[in-house]
Amino acid sequence: MQAQTAERHLGEILLAAQEKKGVAATTHEEKTVAERLSLRSEMVGEVEKMIAVGLVWGATNAIMRRGAVLWDQAVKSTSRADPNAKLYQRALLSLRNWFKLLWIWQYSIPFLVNLSASLTFFAILSHAPLSLAVPVTNATTFAATAVFGILLGERTHLLRASLDSSFVVSSNCNHVPS
């Protein structure tokens, strides 16, 4: 982290010194190096945000799954829909069940947190390349969902989840811009 901060400062110093002199970069290479160092440090900050979004998504996915189980139990305990019901009656039943889901706080609160992470993700997309943002957040989300599921007592195939996460990460390492 300190090396990345130093790179950013070096890039900014080179560009500032060149602007202060009122002349263009002495060589094209110096300007290119300064711009790359500055851009790389900005991307590091964006990657940290992407990882944070992935962690929030993964945690809320695992927690929402618990809320969905509670909802499923509540729906099964109520009377079943008539298979001969008219279309509007089935639509009303589905809507009522959806509202039941939103009233379960173990689902709705993590859902709102998940949506706020989605807003953050879209803000990140305005500054970062899609080819970097999607793989980083998806891989982090996948791994975090497995870890938080385990922490919540779910039965998870840890080896398989770890292996799958490593495949996602390694397959996208070649596509990360430098």
N, C-alpha and C. Protein backbone atom coordinates (compact mmCIF):
# COMPACT_ATOMS: atom_id res chain seq x y z
N MET A 1 0.83 -1.19 0.00
CA MET A 1 0.00 0.00 0.00
C MET A 1 0.87 1.25 0.00
N GLN A 2 1.94 1.23 0.78
CA GLN A 2 2.82 2.40 0.83
C GLN A 2 3.54 2.59 -0.49
N ALA A 3 3.90 1.48 -1.15
CA ALA A 3 4.57 1.58 -2.44
C ALA A 3 3.63 2.18 -3.48
N GLN A 4 2.36 1.80 -3.41
CA GLN A 4 1.39 2.35 -4.36
C GLN A 4 1.17 3.83 -4.11
N THR A 5 1.12 4.22 -2.85
CA THR A 5 0.97 5.64 -2.52
C THR A 5 2.20 6.41 -2.99
N ALA A 6 3.37 5.82 -2.82
CA ALA A 6 4.60 6.47 -3.27
C ALA A 6 4.61 6.61 -4.79
N GLU A 7 4.14 5.58 -5.50
CA GLU A 7 4.07 5.66 -6.95
C GLU A 7 3.15 6.80 -7.39
N ARG A 8 2.00 6.89 -6.73
CA ARG A 8 1.05 7.94 -7.09
C ARG A 8 1.66 9.32 -6.86
N HIS A 9 2.31 9.48 -5.69
CA HIS A 9 2.93 10.77 -5.39
C HIS A 9 4.05 11.09 -6.37
N LEU A 10 4.81 10.08 -6.75
CA LEU A 10 5.88 10.30 -7.72
C LEU A 10 5.31 10.76 -9.05
N GLY A 11 4.25 10.10 -9.49
CA GLY A 11 3.60 10.49 -10.73
C GLY A 11 3.04 11.90 -10.66
N GLU A 12 2.40 12.23 -9.54
CA GLU A 12 1.85 13.57 -9.37
C GLU A 12 2.96 14.62 -9.30
N ILE A 13 4.06 14.29 -8.64
CA ILE A 13 5.18 15.22 -8.54
C ILE A 13 5.79 15.49 -9.91
N LEU A 14 5.97 14.43 -10.70
CA LEU A 14 6.52 14.61 -12.04
C LEU A 14 5.62 15.50 -12.90
N LEU A 15 4.32 15.23 -12.86
CA LEU A 15 3.40 16.04 -13.65
C LEU A 15 3.35 17.48 -13.15
N ALA A 16 3.33 17.66 -11.82
CA ALA A 16 3.27 19.01 -11.25
C ALA A 16 4.54 19.80 -11.59
N ALA A 17 5.68 19.15 -11.51
CA ALA A 17 6.94 19.83 -11.82
C ALA A 17 6.97 20.26 -13.28
N GLN A 18 6.46 19.43 -14.13
CA GLN A 18 6.45 19.77 -15.54
C GLN A 18 5.49 20.93 -15.81
N GLU A 19 4.32 20.91 -15.15
CA GLU A 19 3.36 22.01 -15.33
C GLU A 19 3.89 23.31 -14.75
N LYS A 20 4.60 23.22 -13.62
CA LYS A 20 5.13 24.40 -12.95
C LYS A 20 6.16 25.11 -13.83
N LYS A 21 6.96 24.31 -14.51
CA LYS A 21 7.98 24.88 -15.39
C LYS A 21 7.33 25.53 -16.61
N GLY A 22 6.08 25.17 -16.87
CA GLY A 22 5.39 25.74 -18.02
C GLY A 22 5.82 25.10 -19.32
N VAL A 23 6.47 23.97 -19.20
CA VAL A 23 6.89 23.27 -20.41
C VAL A 23 6.30 21.87 -20.38
N ALA A 24 6.23 21.30 -21.54
CA ALA A 24 5.76 19.93 -21.64
C ALA A 24 6.84 19.01 -21.07
N ALA A 25 6.50 17.78 -20.91
CA ALA A 25 7.45 16.81 -20.39
C ALA A 25 8.70 16.82 -21.26
N THR A 26 9.85 16.64 -20.63
CA THR A 26 11.10 16.68 -21.38
C THR A 26 11.14 15.56 -22.40
N THR A 27 10.57 14.45 -22.05
CA THR A 27 10.46 13.37 -23.03
C THR A 27 9.06 12.78 -22.93
N HIS A 28 8.68 12.15 -23.99
CA HIS A 28 7.37 11.50 -24.02
C HIS A 28 7.32 10.37 -22.98
N GLU A 29 8.46 9.71 -22.79
CA GLU A 29 8.53 8.60 -21.83
C GLU A 29 8.26 9.07 -20.40
N GLU A 30 8.81 10.23 -20.01
CA GLU A 30 8.59 10.74 -18.66
C GLU A 30 7.12 11.01 -18.42
N LYS A 31 6.47 11.62 -19.40
CA LYS A 31 5.05 11.93 -19.26
C LYS A 31 4.23 10.64 -19.17
N THR A 32 4.55 9.67 -20.00
CA THR A 32 3.84 8.40 -19.99
C THR A 32 4.02 7.69 -18.65
N VAL A 33 5.23 7.68 -18.12
CA VAL A 33 5.50 7.05 -16.83
C VAL A 33 4.71 7.76 -15.73
N ALA A 34 4.72 9.07 -15.74
CA ALA A 34 4.01 9.84 -14.72
C ALA A 34 2.50 9.56 -14.79
N GLU A 35 1.96 9.51 -15.99
CA GLU A 35 0.53 9.25 -16.14
C GLU A 35 0.18 7.84 -15.70
N ARG A 36 1.01 6.87 -16.05
CA ARG A 36 0.75 5.49 -15.65
C ARG A 36 0.81 5.32 -14.14
N LEU A 37 1.79 5.95 -13.51
CA LEU A 37 1.91 5.85 -12.06
C LEU A 37 0.69 6.46 -11.38
N SER A 38 0.23 7.57 -11.87
CA SER A 38 -0.94 8.23 -11.30
C SER A 38 -2.19 7.38 -11.53
N LEU A 39 -2.36 6.85 -12.74
CA LEU A 39 -3.51 6.03 -13.07
C LEU A 39 -3.52 4.73 -12.26
N ARG A 40 -2.35 4.11 -12.11
CA ARG A 40 -2.26 2.86 -11.37
C ARG A 40 -2.68 3.06 -9.92
N SER A 41 -2.26 4.15 -9.31
CA SER A 41 -2.63 4.40 -7.92
C SER A 41 -4.13 4.66 -7.79
N GLU A 42 -4.73 5.31 -8.78
CA GLU A 42 -6.18 5.51 -8.76
C GLU A 42 -6.90 4.17 -8.87
N MET A 43 -6.41 3.27 -9.71
CA MET A 43 -7.03 1.96 -9.87
C MET A 43 -6.94 1.14 -8.58
N VAL A 44 -5.83 1.28 -7.85
CA VAL A 44 -5.69 0.54 -6.60
C VAL A 44 -6.81 0.94 -5.65
N GLY A 45 -7.10 2.22 -5.56
CA GLY A 45 -8.20 2.68 -4.70
C GLY A 45 -9.54 2.14 -5.17
N GLU A 46 -9.72 2.05 -6.49
CA GLU A 46 -10.96 1.51 -7.03
C GLU A 46 -11.06 0.01 -6.75
N VAL A 47 -9.96 -0.72 -6.85
CA VAL A 47 -9.99 -2.15 -6.57
C VAL A 47 -10.36 -2.40 -5.10
N GLU A 48 -9.84 -1.57 -4.21
CA GLU A 48 -10.22 -1.71 -2.80
C GLU A 48 -11.72 -1.53 -2.62
N LYS A 49 -12.30 -0.58 -3.33
CA LYS A 49 -13.74 -0.36 -3.26
C LYS A 49 -14.49 -1.55 -3.83
N MET A 50 -13.97 -2.12 -4.93
CA MET A 50 -14.61 -3.29 -5.54
C MET A 50 -14.62 -4.46 -4.57
N ILE A 51 -13.50 -4.67 -3.89
CA ILE A 51 -13.43 -5.75 -2.91
C ILE A 51 -14.40 -5.51 -1.76
N ALA A 52 -14.51 -4.27 -1.32
CA ALA A 52 -15.46 -3.94 -0.25
C ALA A 52 -16.89 -4.22 -0.68
N VAL A 53 -17.23 -3.86 -1.91
CA VAL A 53 -18.58 -4.14 -2.43
C VAL A 53 -18.81 -5.65 -2.48
N GLY A 54 -17.82 -6.39 -2.95
CA GLY A 54 -17.94 -7.85 -3.01
C GLY A 54 -18.14 -8.47 -1.64
N LEU A 55 -17.44 -7.93 -0.65
CA LEU A 55 -17.61 -8.44 0.72
C LEU A 55 -19.01 -8.15 1.25
N VAL A 56 -19.51 -6.95 0.99
CA VAL A 56 -20.87 -6.60 1.44
C VAL A 56 -21.89 -7.47 0.73
N TRP A 57 -21.74 -7.63 -0.58
CA TRP A 57 -22.66 -8.49 -1.31
C TRP A 57 -22.63 -9.92 -0.79
N GLY A 58 -21.43 -10.44 -0.55
CA GLY A 58 -21.31 -11.81 -0.06
C GLY A 58 -21.95 -12.00 1.31
N ALA A 59 -21.70 -11.05 2.21
CA ALA A 59 -22.29 -11.14 3.55
C ALA A 59 -23.80 -11.04 3.49
N THR A 60 -24.30 -10.09 2.72
CA THR A 60 -25.76 -9.93 2.66
C THR A 60 -26.43 -11.08 1.93
N ASN A 61 -25.76 -11.69 0.96
CA ASN A 61 -26.33 -12.87 0.30
C ASN A 61 -26.57 -13.98 1.31
N ALA A 62 -25.58 -14.24 2.15
CA ALA A 62 -25.71 -15.31 3.14
C ALA A 62 -26.80 -14.99 4.16
N ILE A 63 -26.88 -13.74 4.59
CA ILE A 63 -27.89 -13.36 5.57
C ILE A 63 -29.28 -13.36 4.95
N MET A 64 -29.40 -12.90 3.72
CA MET A 64 -30.71 -12.91 3.04
C MET A 64 -31.20 -14.34 2.83
N ARG A 65 -30.28 -15.25 2.62
CA ARG A 65 -30.67 -16.65 2.45
C ARG A 65 -31.36 -17.16 3.71
N ARG A 66 -30.85 -16.76 4.88
CA ARG A 66 -31.51 -17.13 6.15
C ARG A 66 -32.91 -16.53 6.24
N GLY A 67 -33.04 -15.26 5.85
CA GLY A 67 -34.35 -14.62 5.86
C GLY A 67 -35.31 -15.29 4.88
N ALA A 68 -34.81 -15.72 3.74
CA ALA A 68 -35.64 -16.40 2.75
C ALA A 68 -36.13 -17.75 3.27
N VAL A 69 -35.31 -18.42 4.06
CA VAL A 69 -35.73 -19.69 4.66
C VAL A 69 -36.89 -19.43 5.64
N LEU A 70 -36.77 -18.37 6.45
CA LEU A 70 -37.86 -18.01 7.36
C LEU A 70 -39.14 -17.69 6.59
N TRP A 71 -38.99 -16.97 5.49
CA TRP A 71 -40.14 -16.63 4.65
C TRP A 71 -40.77 -17.90 4.07
N ASP A 72 -39.93 -18.80 3.61
CA ASP A 72 -40.42 -20.05 3.03
C ASP A 72 -41.22 -20.85 4.06
N GLN A 73 -40.73 -20.87 5.29
CA GLN A 73 -41.46 -21.57 6.36
C GLN A 73 -42.80 -20.89 6.63
N ALA A 74 -42.82 -19.56 6.61
CA ALA A 74 -44.06 -18.82 6.85
C ALA A 74 -45.07 -19.07 5.73
N VAL A 75 -44.61 -19.12 4.50
CA VAL A 75 -45.51 -19.34 3.37
C VAL A 75 -46.06 -20.76 3.41
N LYS A 76 -45.23 -21.73 3.75
CA LYS A 76 -45.69 -23.12 3.81
C LYS A 76 -46.67 -23.36 4.94
N SER A 77 -46.57 -22.56 6.01
CA SER A 77 -47.47 -22.75 7.14
C SER A 77 -48.85 -22.14 6.89
N THR A 78 -48.95 -21.25 5.91
CA THR A 78 -50.25 -20.67 5.58
C THR A 78 -50.96 -21.56 4.58
N SER A 79 -52.19 -21.26 4.31
CA SER A 79 -52.98 -22.10 3.40
C SER A 79 -52.42 -22.04 1.98
N ARG A 80 -52.56 -23.13 1.28
CA ARG A 80 -52.06 -23.23 -0.10
C ARG A 80 -53.04 -22.56 -1.06
N ALA A 81 -52.50 -22.12 -2.16
CA ALA A 81 -53.33 -21.51 -3.20
C ALA A 81 -54.12 -22.59 -3.93
N ASP A 82 -55.29 -22.23 -4.35
CA ASP A 82 -56.13 -23.13 -5.12
C ASP A 82 -55.57 -23.24 -6.53
N PRO A 83 -55.26 -24.46 -7.00
CA PRO A 83 -54.70 -24.60 -8.35
C PRO A 83 -55.67 -24.16 -9.45
N ASN A 84 -56.94 -24.10 -9.12
CA ASN A 84 -57.94 -23.67 -10.09
C ASN A 84 -58.24 -22.17 -9.99
N ALA A 85 -57.45 -21.46 -9.21
CA ALA A 85 -57.68 -20.02 -9.03
C ALA A 85 -57.43 -19.28 -10.33
N LYS A 86 -58.11 -18.16 -10.45
CA LYS A 86 -57.97 -17.36 -11.65
C LYS A 86 -56.61 -16.64 -11.63
N LEU A 87 -56.23 -16.14 -12.75
CA LEU A 87 -54.93 -15.50 -12.91
C LEU A 87 -54.75 -14.34 -11.94
N TYR A 88 -55.74 -13.48 -11.80
CA TYR A 88 -55.61 -12.33 -10.91
C TYR A 88 -55.49 -12.77 -9.45
N GLN A 89 -56.14 -13.89 -9.08
CA GLN A 89 -56.02 -14.39 -7.71
C GLN A 89 -54.61 -14.93 -7.44
N ARG A 90 -54.05 -15.61 -8.44
CA ARG A 90 -52.67 -16.10 -8.28
C ARG A 90 -51.69 -14.93 -8.24
N ALA A 91 -51.95 -13.89 -9.02
CA ALA A 91 -51.08 -12.71 -9.01
C ALA A 91 -51.16 -12.01 -7.65
N LEU A 92 -52.36 -11.90 -7.09
CA LEU A 92 -52.51 -11.29 -5.76
C LEU A 92 -51.81 -12.11 -4.68
N LEU A 93 -51.91 -13.43 -4.79
CA LEU A 93 -51.22 -14.29 -3.82
C LEU A 93 -49.71 -14.12 -3.92
N SER A 94 -49.20 -14.05 -5.13
CA SER A 94 -47.75 -13.85 -5.32
C SER A 94 -47.32 -12.51 -4.76
N LEU A 95 -48.11 -11.48 -5.00
CA LEU A 95 -47.81 -10.16 -4.47
C LEU A 95 -47.84 -10.14 -2.94
N ARG A 96 -48.83 -10.81 -2.38
CA ARG A 96 -48.93 -10.91 -0.91
C ARG A 96 -47.72 -11.65 -0.33
N ASN A 97 -47.31 -12.73 -0.99
CA ASN A 97 -46.13 -13.47 -0.53
C ASN A 97 -44.86 -12.62 -0.62
N TRP A 98 -44.76 -11.81 -1.67
CA TRP A 98 -43.61 -10.94 -1.84
C TRP A 98 -43.56 -9.91 -0.71
N PHE A 99 -44.72 -9.34 -0.37
CA PHE A 99 -44.76 -8.39 0.74
C PHE A 99 -44.42 -9.07 2.07
N LYS A 100 -44.82 -10.32 2.23
CA LYS A 100 -44.44 -11.08 3.44
C LYS A 100 -42.92 -11.17 3.55
N LEU A 101 -42.30 -11.42 2.41
CA LEU A 101 -40.84 -11.51 2.38
C LEU A 101 -40.20 -10.20 2.82
N LEU A 102 -40.74 -9.09 2.32
CA LEU A 102 -40.17 -7.79 2.68
C LEU A 102 -40.41 -7.44 4.15
N TRP A 103 -41.45 -7.99 4.76
CA TRP A 103 -41.73 -7.71 6.17
C TRP A 103 -40.83 -8.51 7.12
N ILE A 104 -40.14 -9.49 6.60
CA ILE A 104 -39.20 -10.26 7.43
C ILE A 104 -37.90 -9.47 7.49
N TRP A 105 -37.60 -8.92 8.66
CA TRP A 105 -36.45 -8.02 8.77
C TRP A 105 -35.14 -8.74 8.50
N GLN A 106 -35.06 -10.04 8.75
CA GLN A 106 -33.83 -10.79 8.49
C GLN A 106 -33.53 -10.84 6.99
N TYR A 107 -34.54 -10.52 6.18
CA TYR A 107 -34.33 -10.44 4.74
C TYR A 107 -34.25 -8.99 4.28
N SER A 108 -35.17 -8.16 4.73
CA SER A 108 -35.29 -6.81 4.18
C SER A 108 -34.11 -5.90 4.53
N ILE A 109 -33.59 -5.99 5.74
CA ILE A 109 -32.45 -5.13 6.11
C ILE A 109 -31.20 -5.49 5.30
N PRO A 110 -30.82 -6.79 5.23
CA PRO A 110 -29.68 -7.12 4.37
C PRO A 110 -29.93 -6.78 2.90
N PHE A 111 -31.19 -6.88 2.47
CA PHE A 111 -31.54 -6.53 1.10
C PHE A 111 -31.25 -5.05 0.82
N LEU A 112 -31.62 -4.19 1.75
CA LEU A 112 -31.35 -2.76 1.59
C LEU A 112 -29.85 -2.46 1.60
N VAL A 113 -29.12 -3.15 2.46
CA VAL A 113 -27.66 -2.97 2.49
C VAL A 113 -27.06 -3.45 1.17
N ASN A 114 -27.57 -4.56 0.65
CA ASN A 114 -27.11 -5.09 -0.62
C ASN A 114 -27.37 -4.10 -1.75
N LEU A 115 -28.54 -3.48 -1.73
CA LEU A 115 -28.86 -2.48 -2.76
C LEU A 115 -27.95 -1.26 -2.66
N SER A 116 -27.60 -0.86 -1.45
CA SER A 116 -26.69 0.28 -1.31
C SER A 116 -25.30 -0.07 -1.85
N ALA A 117 -24.88 -1.32 -1.68
CA ALA A 117 -23.61 -1.76 -2.27
C ALA A 117 -23.71 -1.75 -3.79
N SER A 118 -24.88 -2.05 -4.32
CA SER A 118 -25.07 -2.00 -5.78
C SER A 118 -24.92 -0.58 -6.29
N LEU A 119 -25.45 0.39 -5.54
CA LEU A 119 -25.28 1.79 -5.94
C LEU A 119 -23.80 2.17 -5.94
N THR A 120 -23.08 1.70 -4.93
CA THR A 120 -21.64 1.96 -4.87
C THR A 120 -20.93 1.33 -6.06
N PHE A 121 -21.35 0.12 -6.42
CA PHE A 121 -20.75 -0.56 -7.56
C PHE A 121 -20.95 0.24 -8.85
N PHE A 122 -22.14 0.78 -9.04
CA PHE A 122 -22.38 1.58 -10.24
C PHE A 122 -21.55 2.85 -10.23
N ALA A 123 -21.33 3.42 -9.06
CA ALA A 123 -20.45 4.59 -8.97
C ALA A 123 -19.01 4.21 -9.32
N ILE A 124 -18.58 3.04 -8.89
CA ILE A 124 -17.23 2.55 -9.22
C ILE A 124 -17.10 2.37 -10.73
N LEU A 125 -18.16 1.87 -11.36
CA LEU A 125 -18.11 1.62 -12.80
C LEU A 125 -17.89 2.90 -13.61
N SER A 126 -18.22 4.03 -13.03
CA SER A 126 -18.01 5.28 -13.77
C SER A 126 -16.53 5.65 -13.82
N HIS A 127 -15.70 5.02 -12.97
CA HIS A 127 -14.27 5.35 -12.92
C HIS A 127 -13.37 4.19 -13.32
N ALA A 128 -13.89 2.99 -13.29
CA ALA A 128 -13.04 1.81 -13.51
C ALA A 128 -13.52 1.05 -14.73
N PRO A 129 -12.60 0.34 -15.37
CA PRO A 129 -13.01 -0.45 -16.53
C PRO A 129 -13.88 -1.65 -16.11
N LEU A 130 -14.86 -1.92 -16.92
CA LEU A 130 -15.77 -3.03 -16.66
C LEU A 130 -15.03 -4.36 -16.60
N SER A 131 -13.99 -4.49 -17.41
CA SER A 131 -13.22 -5.74 -17.46
C SER A 131 -12.45 -5.99 -16.16
N LEU A 132 -12.32 -4.99 -15.33
CA LEU A 132 -11.69 -5.16 -14.03
C LEU A 132 -12.73 -5.25 -12.92
N ALA A 133 -13.73 -4.39 -12.98
CA ALA A 133 -14.71 -4.29 -11.90
C ALA A 133 -15.54 -5.56 -11.74
N VAL A 134 -16.03 -6.10 -12.82
CA VAL A 134 -16.91 -7.27 -12.73
C VAL A 134 -16.19 -8.50 -12.19
N PRO A 135 -15.03 -8.87 -12.71
CA PRO A 135 -14.36 -10.06 -12.16
C PRO A 135 -13.95 -9.90 -10.69
N VAL A 136 -13.46 -8.73 -10.32
CA VAL A 136 -13.02 -8.54 -8.94
C VAL A 136 -14.20 -8.64 -7.98
N THR A 137 -15.29 -7.94 -8.28
CA THR A 137 -16.44 -7.98 -7.37
C THR A 137 -17.11 -9.35 -7.37
N ASN A 138 -17.22 -9.98 -8.53
CA ASN A 138 -17.86 -11.29 -8.57
C ASN A 138 -17.06 -12.35 -7.83
N ALA A 139 -15.75 -12.35 -8.02
CA ALA A 139 -14.92 -13.33 -7.32
C ALA A 139 -14.98 -13.10 -5.81
N THR A 140 -14.92 -11.84 -5.41
CA THR A 140 -14.99 -11.52 -3.98
C THR A 140 -16.34 -11.90 -3.41
N THR A 141 -17.41 -11.61 -4.15
CA THR A 141 -18.76 -11.96 -3.69
C THR A 141 -18.90 -13.46 -3.53
N PHE A 142 -18.42 -14.21 -4.51
CA PHE A 142 -18.52 -15.67 -4.46
C PHE A 142 -17.82 -16.22 -3.23
N ALA A 143 -16.60 -15.77 -3.00
CA ALA A 143 -15.84 -16.26 -1.84
C ALA A 143 -16.46 -15.79 -0.53
N ALA A 144 -16.89 -14.53 -0.48
CA ALA A 144 -17.46 -14.00 0.76
C ALA A 144 -18.78 -14.68 1.10
N THR A 145 -19.58 -15.02 0.10
CA THR A 145 -20.83 -15.72 0.36
C THR A 145 -20.55 -17.07 1.01
N ALA A 146 -19.54 -17.77 0.51
CA ALA A 146 -19.19 -19.07 1.10
C ALA A 146 -18.68 -18.90 2.53
N VAL A 147 -17.81 -17.93 2.75
CA VAL A 147 -17.24 -17.72 4.09
C VAL A 147 -18.33 -17.30 5.08
N PHE A 148 -19.16 -16.34 4.71
CA PHE A 148 -20.21 -15.89 5.62
C PHE A 148 -21.26 -16.98 5.83
N GLY A 149 -21.51 -17.79 4.82
CA GLY A 149 -22.42 -18.93 5.00
C GLY A 149 -21.88 -19.89 6.05
N ILE A 150 -20.59 -20.15 6.00
CA ILE A 150 -19.97 -21.03 7.00
C ILE A 150 -20.07 -20.39 8.38
N LEU A 151 -19.80 -19.08 8.46
CA LEU A 151 -19.88 -18.39 9.75
C LEU A 151 -21.30 -18.41 10.32
N LEU A 152 -22.30 -18.48 9.45
CA LEU A 152 -23.69 -18.53 9.90
C LEU A 152 -24.16 -19.96 10.14
N GLY A 153 -23.26 -20.92 9.99
CA GLY A 153 -23.60 -22.30 10.31
C GLY A 153 -24.15 -23.11 9.16
N GLU A 154 -24.05 -22.63 7.95
CA GLU A 154 -24.52 -23.38 6.80
C GLU A 154 -23.51 -24.46 6.44
N ARG A 155 -24.03 -25.54 5.90
CA ARG A 155 -23.13 -26.60 5.42
C ARG A 155 -22.65 -26.19 4.04
N THR A 156 -21.36 -26.04 3.92
CA THR A 156 -20.75 -25.60 2.66
C THR A 156 -19.58 -26.51 2.34
N HIS A 157 -19.43 -26.78 1.08
CA HIS A 157 -18.27 -27.55 0.62
C HIS A 157 -17.11 -26.57 0.48
N LEU A 158 -16.33 -26.43 1.54
CA LEU A 158 -15.29 -25.42 1.60
C LEU A 158 -14.24 -25.62 0.51
N LEU A 159 -13.82 -26.84 0.29
CA LEU A 159 -12.80 -27.10 -0.74
C LEU A 159 -13.31 -26.70 -2.12
N ARG A 160 -14.54 -27.07 -2.41
CA ARG A 160 -15.11 -26.73 -3.71
C ARG A 160 -15.27 -25.22 -3.87
N ALA A 161 -15.76 -24.56 -2.83
CA ALA A 161 -15.93 -23.10 -2.90
C ALA A 161 -14.58 -22.41 -3.08
N SER A 162 -13.56 -22.89 -2.38
CA SER A 162 -12.22 -22.29 -2.51
C SER A 162 -11.66 -22.52 -3.91
N LEU A 163 -11.84 -23.72 -4.40
CA LEU A 163 -11.35 -24.05 -5.74
C LEU A 163 -12.08 -23.21 -6.80
N ASP A 164 -13.40 -23.11 -6.68
CA ASP A 164 -14.17 -22.30 -7.63
C ASP A 164 -13.74 -20.84 -7.59
N SER A 165 -13.54 -20.31 -6.38
CA SER A 165 -13.11 -18.91 -6.25
C SER A 165 -11.74 -18.70 -6.89
N SER A 166 -10.84 -19.66 -6.69
CA SER A 166 -9.50 -19.51 -7.26
C SER A 166 -9.56 -19.57 -8.79
N PHE A 167 -10.46 -20.37 -9.35
CA PHE A 167 -10.61 -20.40 -10.80
C PHE A 167 -11.12 -19.06 -11.34
N VAL A 168 -12.09 -18.49 -10.64
CA VAL A 168 -12.63 -17.19 -11.08
C VAL A 168 -11.54 -16.13 -11.04
N VAL A 169 -10.78 -16.10 -9.95
CA VAL A 169 -9.73 -15.10 -9.81
C VAL A 169 -8.63 -15.32 -10.85
N SER A 170 -8.17 -16.55 -10.98
CA SER A 170 -7.05 -16.81 -11.90
C SER A 170 -7.46 -16.62 -13.36
N SER A 171 -8.68 -16.92 -13.70
CA SER A 171 -9.10 -16.74 -15.09
C SER A 171 -9.20 -15.28 -15.47
N ASN A 172 -9.35 -14.42 -14.47
CA ASN A 172 -9.48 -13.00 -14.77
C ASN A 172 -8.18 -12.24 -14.58
N CYS A 173 -7.15 -12.89 -14.07
CA CYS A 173 -5.87 -12.20 -13.86
C CYS A 173 -5.26 -11.74 -15.18
N ASN A 174 -5.50 -12.47 -16.23
CA ASN A 174 -4.94 -12.11 -17.54
C ASN A 174 -5.64 -10.90 -18.15
N HIS A 175 -6.81 -10.56 -17.64
CA HIS A 175 -7.59 -9.48 -18.25
C HIS A 175 -7.48 -8.17 -17.49
N VAL A 176 -6.70 -8.15 -16.40
CA VAL A 176 -6.57 -6.93 -15.61
C VAL A 176 -5.65 -5.97 -16.32
N PRO A 177 -6.12 -4.74 -16.58
CA PRO A 177 -5.25 -3.79 -17.28
C PRO A 177 -4.08 -3.36 -16.41
N SER A 178 -2.93 -3.15 -17.05
CA SER A 178 -1.76 -2.73 -16.28
C SER A 178 -1.52 -1.25 -16.39
